[in-house]
Protein backbone atom coordinates (compact mmCIF):
# COMPACT_ATOMS: atom_id res chain seq x y z
CA MET A 1 -3.40 3.21 14.79
CA SER A 2 -1.18 1.53 12.25
CA ARG A 3 -2.38 -0.80 9.57
CA ARG A 4 -1.85 -4.51 9.97
CA ARG A 5 0.42 -5.93 7.33
CA ASP A 6 -0.30 -9.18 5.60
CA PRO A 7 2.36 -11.66 6.81
CA ASN A 8 2.50 -13.13 3.30
CA ASP A 9 3.40 -9.72 1.88
CA LEU A 10 6.17 -9.33 4.44
CA GLU A 11 7.51 -12.78 3.60
CA ARG A 12 7.45 -12.00 -0.13
CA LEU A 13 9.32 -8.76 0.47
CA TYR A 14 11.97 -10.41 2.65
CA GLU A 15 12.47 -13.22 0.12
CA ALA A 16 12.90 -10.62 -2.63
CA ILE A 17 15.54 -8.84 -0.53
CA GLN A 18 17.35 -12.14 0.08
CA GLU A 19 17.35 -12.92 -3.65
CA ASN A 20 18.41 -9.38 -4.65
CA PRO A 21 20.60 -7.96 -1.87
CA GLY A 22 21.92 -4.45 -2.25
CA GLN A 23 18.89 -2.99 -4.02
CA ARG A 24 16.85 0.01 -2.90
CA ALA A 25 13.18 0.07 -1.88
CA SER A 26 12.14 1.38 -5.31
CA PHE A 27 13.62 -1.73 -6.95
CA PHE A 28 11.53 -4.00 -4.73
CA ALA A 29 8.43 -1.92 -5.42
CA ARG A 30 8.87 -2.47 -9.16
CA LEU A 31 9.73 -6.15 -8.67
CA LEU A 32 6.66 -6.86 -6.54
CA LYS A 33 4.43 -4.41 -8.45
CA TRP A 34 3.66 -2.50 -5.26
CA PRO A 35 3.60 1.24 -4.66
CA ARG A 36 6.97 2.38 -3.32
CA SER A 37 5.22 3.72 -0.21
CA LYS A 38 3.97 0.21 0.60
CA VAL A 39 7.54 -1.13 0.59
CA THR A 40 8.81 1.77 2.69
CA ARG A 41 6.02 1.36 5.25
CA ALA A 42 6.58 -2.42 5.39
CA LEU A 43 10.28 -2.20 6.28
CA PRO A 44 9.77 -1.50 10.03
CA ASP A 45 7.12 -4.24 10.15
CA LEU A 46 9.65 -6.77 8.88
CA GLU A 47 11.69 -6.37 12.05
CA ASP A 48 8.57 -6.69 14.21
CA HIS A 49 7.94 -10.05 12.53
CA GLY A 50 11.51 -11.29 13.00
CA TYR A 51 12.90 -10.50 9.53
CA LEU A 52 16.10 -8.55 10.15
CA LEU A 53 17.60 -6.21 7.57
CA SER A 54 20.49 -3.85 7.35
CA GLU A 55 20.51 -0.69 5.27
CA ASP A 56 23.62 1.13 4.13
CA GLU A 57 24.13 4.87 3.81
CA LYS A 58 22.82 4.77 0.21
CA GLY A 59 19.54 3.11 1.19
CA ARG A 60 20.45 -0.32 -0.15
CA LEU A 61 18.84 -3.21 1.70
CA PHE A 62 20.54 -6.42 2.79
CA PRO A 63 19.32 -9.42 4.80
CA PHE A 64 21.00 -9.22 8.19
CA ARG A 65 23.71 -11.79 8.73
CA LYS A 66 25.57 -12.32 11.94
CA PRO A 67 29.27 -11.66 11.37
CA TRP A 68 30.40 -14.72 13.32
CA LYS A 69 28.61 -17.09 10.92
CA LYS A 70 31.04 -16.72 8.03
CA LYS A 71 31.31 -19.60 5.59
């Protein structure tokens, strides 16, 4: 059975990713003062809660944006 994540933690993580796109999980762990494993385990939970991310081949995280909504 998986652990339930605090929705506030997930929101904080997603906001940090929005403010600092292109960083790796270790960066967000240092920023939020969390163990890196907590960030890594939270990433799949973000999608389950409706926070969509994309990750490139180098492990950098970006908030998911739909390509047809260009400004």
